[in-house]
């Protein structure tokens, strides 16, 4: 027997289902490309940011990269469309339509993303080889979009973050917890439709009292959390390894366990670099490096 839906959640569930329908009516070429160059031609294969300005950091520094996706699913009935539609319908800020996030320590096409399927659910994602990833192979690489972002960090923070992610990537216990999407979706609906504007913007949101951030030591802690969705994992990683992010979260009482994908793009210091569809990622990355040689060390040159 199926349990009856709690009446207080019934309207929220209807809103979420409506979001799926509305998303299906939208064009694939979304706010993703518009966020970098609003008047770019519709047939642009990629777009580079014109103004890249990062906060100053004392001493040596490096960059951590994030690839945020607007996927176009081959099957419109694919279940991930519900998540995509829900995220789009519950946005509270003028940010791109994005529904999946990954992290990397170079601009090479091998970002770490957490999705369902495979022995290791935190696995490498390659736009050039979507068939190698159980999530990406359900997407059309010609229509799917991505925006690459970067965060400037100290060299120590870079190395610590990289070691942290690689530690999790080699752990088969790390799972994509689909149920967390329901919790985040209900919270996002409440934030969008039942919260005053004063508390809708990232940095001013009031999270449930039960929400908490956790600092861990991957070398000594034997009880590491292992259940995430892609965005909460990135929030967790940054909170534990990058002081500017940790301080911002603590000062604004931000809880990473309720972060959605678009929140990642709103973290101070995370700057968009370039847009492309999936099939043109490598070309866009190369053109970006040509335009901004400072980043050439982060891209393996192809023969």
Protein backbone atom coordinates (compact mmCIF):
# COMPACT_ATOMS: atom_id res chain seq x y z
CA UNK A 1 0.00 0.00 0.00
CA UNK A 2 1.21 3.51 -0.78
CA UNK A 3 1.22 6.02 2.05
CA UNK A 4 -1.05 9.02 1.65
CA UNK A 5 0.75 12.31 0.98
CA UNK A 6 0.75 14.58 3.99
CA UNK A 7 -1.79 17.34 3.15
CA UNK A 8 0.66 20.10 4.02
CA UNK A 9 3.04 18.80 1.31
CA UNK A 10 0.38 18.11 -1.33
CA UNK A 11 0.47 21.59 -2.86
CA UNK A 12 4.27 21.49 -2.87
CA UNK A 13 4.27 18.23 -4.79
CA UNK A 14 1.85 19.72 -7.33
CA UNK A 15 4.13 22.71 -7.78
CA UNK A 16 7.09 20.43 -8.37
CA UNK A 17 5.20 18.44 -10.99
CA UNK A 18 4.12 21.68 -12.66
CA UNK A 19 7.77 22.71 -12.75
CA UNK A 20 8.56 19.60 -14.78
CA UNK A 21 5.86 20.49 -17.30
CA UNK A 22 7.04 24.10 -17.58
CA UNK A 23 10.64 23.03 -18.07
CA UNK A 24 9.60 20.85 -20.98
CA UNK A 25 8.21 23.94 -22.70
CA UNK A 26 11.51 25.82 -22.55
CA UNK A 27 14.16 25.90 -25.23
CA UNK A 28 17.43 24.16 -24.55
CA UNK A 29 19.51 27.26 -25.22
CA UNK A 30 18.79 28.85 -21.89
CA UNK A 31 20.18 31.53 -19.63
CA UNK A 32 23.46 29.59 -19.61
CA UNK A 33 24.84 31.31 -22.69
CA UNK A 34 23.07 34.59 -21.92
CA UNK A 35 24.88 34.91 -18.59
CA UNK A 36 28.21 35.59 -20.33
CA UNK A 37 27.21 37.48 -23.48
CA UNK A 38 23.53 38.41 -23.77
CA UNK A 39 23.69 39.47 -27.40
CA UNK A 40 25.80 36.58 -28.70
CA UNK A 41 24.58 35.02 -31.98
CA UNK A 42 22.30 32.04 -31.48
CA UNK A 43 24.70 29.75 -33.36
CA UNK A 44 27.70 30.59 -31.12
CA UNK A 45 29.53 27.37 -30.28
CA UNK A 46 31.23 28.90 -27.26
CA UNK A 47 31.56 32.23 -25.46
CA UNK A 48 34.51 33.51 -23.41
CA UNK A 49 34.12 35.85 -20.46
CA UNK A 50 35.33 39.37 -21.26
CA UNK A 51 36.14 40.44 -17.70
CA UNK A 52 37.84 38.02 -15.31
CA UNK A 53 38.68 39.59 -11.97
CA UNK A 54 39.52 37.48 -8.92
CA UNK A 55 40.08 38.63 -5.32
CA UNK A 56 43.71 39.15 -4.35
CA UNK A 57 45.44 36.37 -2.42
CA UNK A 58 48.69 36.72 -0.51
CA UNK A 59 51.46 34.37 -1.57
CA UNK A 60 51.29 31.66 -4.21
CA UNK A 61 47.88 30.72 -5.54
CA UNK A 62 46.14 28.30 -7.88
CA UNK A 63 42.66 27.77 -9.34
CA UNK A 64 39.98 25.19 -8.66
CA UNK A 65 37.52 24.71 -11.53
CA UNK A 66 33.81 23.94 -11.58
CA UNK A 67 31.72 22.81 -14.51
CA UNK A 68 28.01 23.50 -14.11
CA UNK A 69 25.66 21.91 -16.60
CA UNK A 70 22.35 22.56 -18.32
CA UNK A 71 21.82 19.04 -19.71
CA UNK A 72 19.43 18.25 -22.56
CA UNK A 73 18.13 14.74 -22.04
CA UNK A 74 17.56 12.48 -25.02
CA UNK A 75 14.36 11.20 -23.44
CA UNK A 76 12.05 13.99 -22.19
CA UNK A 77 10.57 11.53 -19.69
CA UNK A 78 13.97 10.87 -18.09
CA UNK A 79 13.49 11.23 -14.32
CA UNK A 80 16.29 13.83 -14.00
CA UNK A 81 14.04 16.23 -15.91
CA UNK A 82 11.96 16.52 -12.73
CA UNK A 83 14.98 17.81 -10.84
CA UNK A 84 15.91 20.13 -13.70
CA UNK A 85 12.40 21.55 -13.91
CA UNK A 86 12.16 21.97 -10.16
CA UNK A 87 15.44 23.89 -9.99
CA UNK A 88 14.37 26.20 -12.80
CA UNK A 89 10.95 26.90 -11.31
CA UNK A 90 12.22 27.61 -7.79
CA UNK A 91 15.12 29.95 -8.63
CA UNK A 92 15.09 33.11 -6.54
CA UNK A 93 17.92 34.90 -8.36
CA UNK A 94 18.84 35.73 -11.96
CA UNK A 95 21.22 32.84 -12.52
CA UNK A 96 21.60 30.35 -15.39
CA UNK A 97 19.46 27.23 -15.67
CA UNK A 98 21.86 24.66 -14.24
CA UNK A 99 21.10 21.27 -12.74
CA UNK A 100 24.39 19.42 -12.26
CA UNK A 101 27.81 20.41 -10.92
CA UNK A 102 31.33 18.95 -10.99
CA UNK A 103 34.82 19.92 -9.86
CA UNK A 104 38.32 19.66 -11.29
CA UNK A 105 41.85 20.87 -10.71
CA UNK A 106 42.65 21.51 -14.35
CA UNK A 107 40.68 22.55 -17.42
CA UNK A 108 41.07 19.09 -18.93
CA UNK A 109 37.88 17.24 -19.77
CA UNK A 110 37.80 14.94 -16.74
CA UNK A 111 35.78 16.63 -13.99
CA UNK A 112 34.60 14.79 -10.87
CA UNK A 113 30.81 14.65 -10.60
CA UNK A 114 28.49 12.73 -8.28
CA UNK A 115 25.62 10.95 -10.02
CA UNK A 116 23.69 7.70 -9.87
CA UNK A 117 25.16 4.56 -11.40
CA UNK A 118 28.47 2.77 -11.51
CA UNK A 119 30.74 1.24 -8.88
CA UNK A 120 32.08 4.71 -8.08
CA UNK A 121 29.27 7.26 -8.14
CA UNK A 122 31.74 10.11 -7.71
CA UNK A 123 33.35 9.57 -11.09
CA UNK A 124 35.07 11.39 -13.92
CA UNK A 125 32.80 13.09 -16.44
CA UNK A 126 34.02 13.79 -19.96
CA UNK A 127 31.99 15.92 -22.35
CA UNK A 128 33.88 14.35 -25.26
CA UNK A 129 32.97 10.83 -24.09
CA UNK A 130 29.53 11.04 -22.47
CA UNK A 131 28.94 7.37 -23.19
CA UNK A 132 31.51 6.47 -20.52
CA UNK A 133 29.37 7.95 -17.75
CA UNK A 134 25.98 6.49 -16.78
CA UNK A 135 24.48 9.93 -16.26
CA UNK A 136 25.99 11.78 -19.21
CA UNK A 137 25.13 9.10 -21.75
CA UNK A 138 21.45 10.01 -21.29
CA UNK A 139 22.16 13.52 -22.59
CA UNK A 140 22.52 15.02 -26.07
CA UNK A 141 26.05 16.55 -26.16
CA UNK A 142 25.14 18.88 -29.04
CA UNK A 143 22.28 20.47 -27.10
CA UNK A 144 23.60 20.17 -23.57
CA UNK A 145 25.36 23.25 -22.21
CA UNK A 146 28.03 23.95 -19.64
CA UNK A 147 29.62 26.96 -17.94
CA UNK A 148 33.11 26.61 -16.52
CA UNK A 149 33.87 28.62 -13.37
CA UNK A 150 37.04 29.07 -11.31
CA UNK A 151 37.89 29.87 -7.70
CA UNK A 152 41.27 31.39 -6.81
CA UNK A 153 42.74 29.74 -3.69
CA UNK A 154 46.06 29.43 -1.90
CA UNK A 155 48.35 26.67 -3.08
CA UNK A 156 47.81 24.84 0.21
CA UNK A 157 44.02 25.04 -0.18
CA UNK A 158 44.35 23.75 -3.75
CA UNK A 159 46.38 20.71 -2.68
CA UNK A 160 44.12 19.99 0.31
CA UNK A 161 40.97 20.22 -1.80
CA UNK A 162 42.41 17.98 -4.49
CA UNK A 163 43.45 15.34 -1.94
CA UNK A 164 40.02 15.58 -0.31
CA UNK A 165 38.14 14.98 -3.57
CA UNK A 166 40.47 12.17 -4.67
CA UNK A 167 39.99 10.49 -1.29
CA UNK A 168 36.24 10.42 -1.88
CA UNK A 169 36.56 9.45 -5.54
CA UNK A 170 38.25 6.20 -4.53
CA UNK A 171 35.54 5.31 -2.01
CA UNK A 172 32.76 3.00 -3.26
CA UNK A 173 30.71 3.91 -0.17
CA UNK A 174 30.10 7.42 -1.50
CA UNK A 175 26.56 7.45 -2.87
CA UNK A 176 24.30 9.83 -4.71
CA UNK A 177 21.44 10.12 -2.21
CA UNK A 178 18.39 10.73 -4.40
CA UNK A 179 16.20 11.27 -1.35
CA UNK A 180 18.13 14.43 -0.52
CA UNK A 181 16.71 16.00 -3.68
CA UNK A 182 13.24 15.76 -2.19
CA UNK A 183 14.40 17.55 0.97
CA UNK A 184 16.13 20.25 -1.06
CA UNK A 185 13.14 20.56 -3.44
CA UNK A 186 10.65 21.08 -0.61
CA UNK A 187 12.99 23.62 0.98
CA UNK A 188 13.46 25.41 -2.35
CA UNK A 189 9.69 25.61 -2.92
CA UNK A 190 9.23 27.06 0.56
CA UNK A 191 12.08 29.53 -0.12
CA UNK A 192 10.59 30.61 -3.45
CA UNK A 193 6.88 30.78 -2.70
CA UNK A 194 6.47 31.02 1.07
CA UNK A 195 9.41 33.16 2.21
CA UNK A 196 9.79 36.93 2.24
CA UNK A 197 12.19 38.39 -0.33
CA UNK A 198 14.47 39.39 2.55
CA UNK A 199 15.36 35.73 3.09
CA UNK A 200 15.25 34.40 -0.49
CA UNK A 201 18.70 35.46 -1.70
CA UNK A 202 21.76 33.25 -1.21
CA UNK A 203 23.49 34.50 1.94
CA UNK A 204 20.25 35.62 3.61
CA UNK A 205 18.38 32.30 3.55
CA UNK A 206 17.08 30.93 6.86
CA UNK A 207 17.79 27.20 6.97
CA UNK A 208 16.04 24.60 9.18
CA UNK A 209 17.37 24.50 12.73
CA UNK A 210 18.39 20.87 12.22
CA UNK A 211 20.73 21.80 9.32
CA UNK A 212 24.43 21.73 10.10
CA UNK A 213 27.85 21.90 8.50
CA UNK A 214 30.53 19.40 9.42
CA UNK A 215 34.28 19.81 9.58
CA UNK A 216 36.15 16.54 9.08
CA UNK A 217 39.67 15.17 8.92
CA UNK A 218 39.95 12.68 6.07
CA UNK A 219 43.14 11.23 7.51
CA UNK A 220 41.74 10.48 10.97
CA UNK A 221 37.95 10.52 10.80
CA UNK A 222 36.56 7.01 10.29
CA UNK A 223 32.97 8.21 10.20
CA UNK A 224 33.02 10.47 7.15
CA UNK A 225 29.66 11.40 5.62
CA UNK A 226 29.12 9.53 2.35
CA UNK A 227 25.62 10.51 1.18
CA UNK A 228 25.34 13.62 -0.98
CA UNK A 229 23.94 15.06 -4.17
CA UNK A 230 26.33 16.83 -6.53
CA UNK A 231 25.83 20.33 -5.11
CA UNK A 232 25.91 19.40 -1.43
CA UNK A 233 29.13 17.47 -2.04
CA UNK A 234 30.81 20.53 -3.58
CA UNK A 235 29.59 22.71 -0.72
CA UNK A 236 30.96 20.17 1.76
CA UNK A 237 34.33 19.99 -0.01
CA UNK A 238 34.75 23.77 -0.15
CA UNK A 239 33.61 24.29 3.44
CA UNK A 240 36.24 21.87 4.65
CA UNK A 241 39.16 23.14 2.58
CA UNK A 242 38.84 26.78 1.49
CA UNK A 243 38.91 29.35 4.28
CA UNK A 244 37.12 32.10 2.35
CA UNK A 245 34.19 29.77 1.65
CA UNK A 246 34.12 28.40 5.19
CA UNK A 247 34.15 31.92 6.64
CA UNK A 248 31.40 33.07 4.26
CA UNK A 249 29.21 30.09 5.14
CA UNK A 250 29.70 30.62 8.89
CA UNK A 251 29.14 34.39 8.73
CA UNK A 252 25.91 33.97 6.75
CA UNK A 253 24.75 30.75 8.40
CA UNK A 254 24.75 28.91 5.04
CA UNK A 255 24.22 25.16 5.29
CA UNK A 256 25.78 23.13 2.49
CA UNK A 257 23.36 20.23 2.99
CA UNK A 258 20.62 22.44 1.48
CA UNK A 259 22.67 23.90 -1.39
CA UNK A 260 21.39 23.51 -4.92
CA UNK A 261 23.45 23.73 -8.11
CA UNK A 262 22.84 27.41 -8.80
CA UNK A 263 24.03 28.28 -5.27
CA UNK A 264 27.50 27.08 -6.26
CA UNK A 265 27.74 29.86 -8.85
CA UNK A 266 26.85 32.45 -6.18
CA UNK A 267 29.70 31.68 -3.77
CA UNK A 268 31.89 34.83 -3.60
CA UNK A 269 35.05 34.45 -5.66
CA UNK A 270 33.65 31.84 -8.05
CA UNK A 271 33.94 33.50 -11.47
CA UNK A 272 32.55 32.30 -14.85
CA UNK A 273 35.24 31.69 -17.50
CA UNK A 274 33.51 30.32 -20.59
CA UNK A 275 30.35 28.77 -21.97
CA UNK A 276 29.99 25.99 -24.55
CA UNK A 277 27.87 23.02 -25.43
CA UNK A 278 29.32 19.69 -24.41
CA UNK A 279 30.65 18.72 -27.80
CA UNK A 280 32.65 21.96 -28.00
CA UNK A 281 34.08 21.96 -24.49
CA UNK A 282 37.66 21.16 -25.55
CA UNK A 283 37.64 23.82 -28.26
CA UNK A 284 36.26 26.41 -25.86
CA UNK A 285 38.84 25.54 -23.19
CA UNK A 286 41.66 25.92 -25.72
CA UNK A 287 40.36 29.28 -26.95
CA UNK A 288 40.00 30.45 -23.37
CA UNK A 289 43.62 29.55 -22.62
CA UNK A 290 44.73 31.31 -25.80
CA UNK A 291 42.92 34.45 -24.62
CA UNK A 292 44.09 34.14 -21.00
CA UNK A 293 47.59 32.54 -21.05
CA UNK A 294 47.76 32.60 -17.25
CA UNK A 295 45.61 29.47 -17.35
CA UNK A 296 47.71 27.57 -19.90
CA UNK A 297 49.29 25.37 -17.21
CA UNK A 298 45.85 23.96 -16.44
CA UNK A 299 45.15 22.58 -19.91
CA UNK A 300 46.99 19.64 -21.43
CA UNK A 301 47.98 20.57 -24.96
CA UNK A 302 46.74 18.14 -27.62
CA UNK A 303 49.00 17.09 -30.49
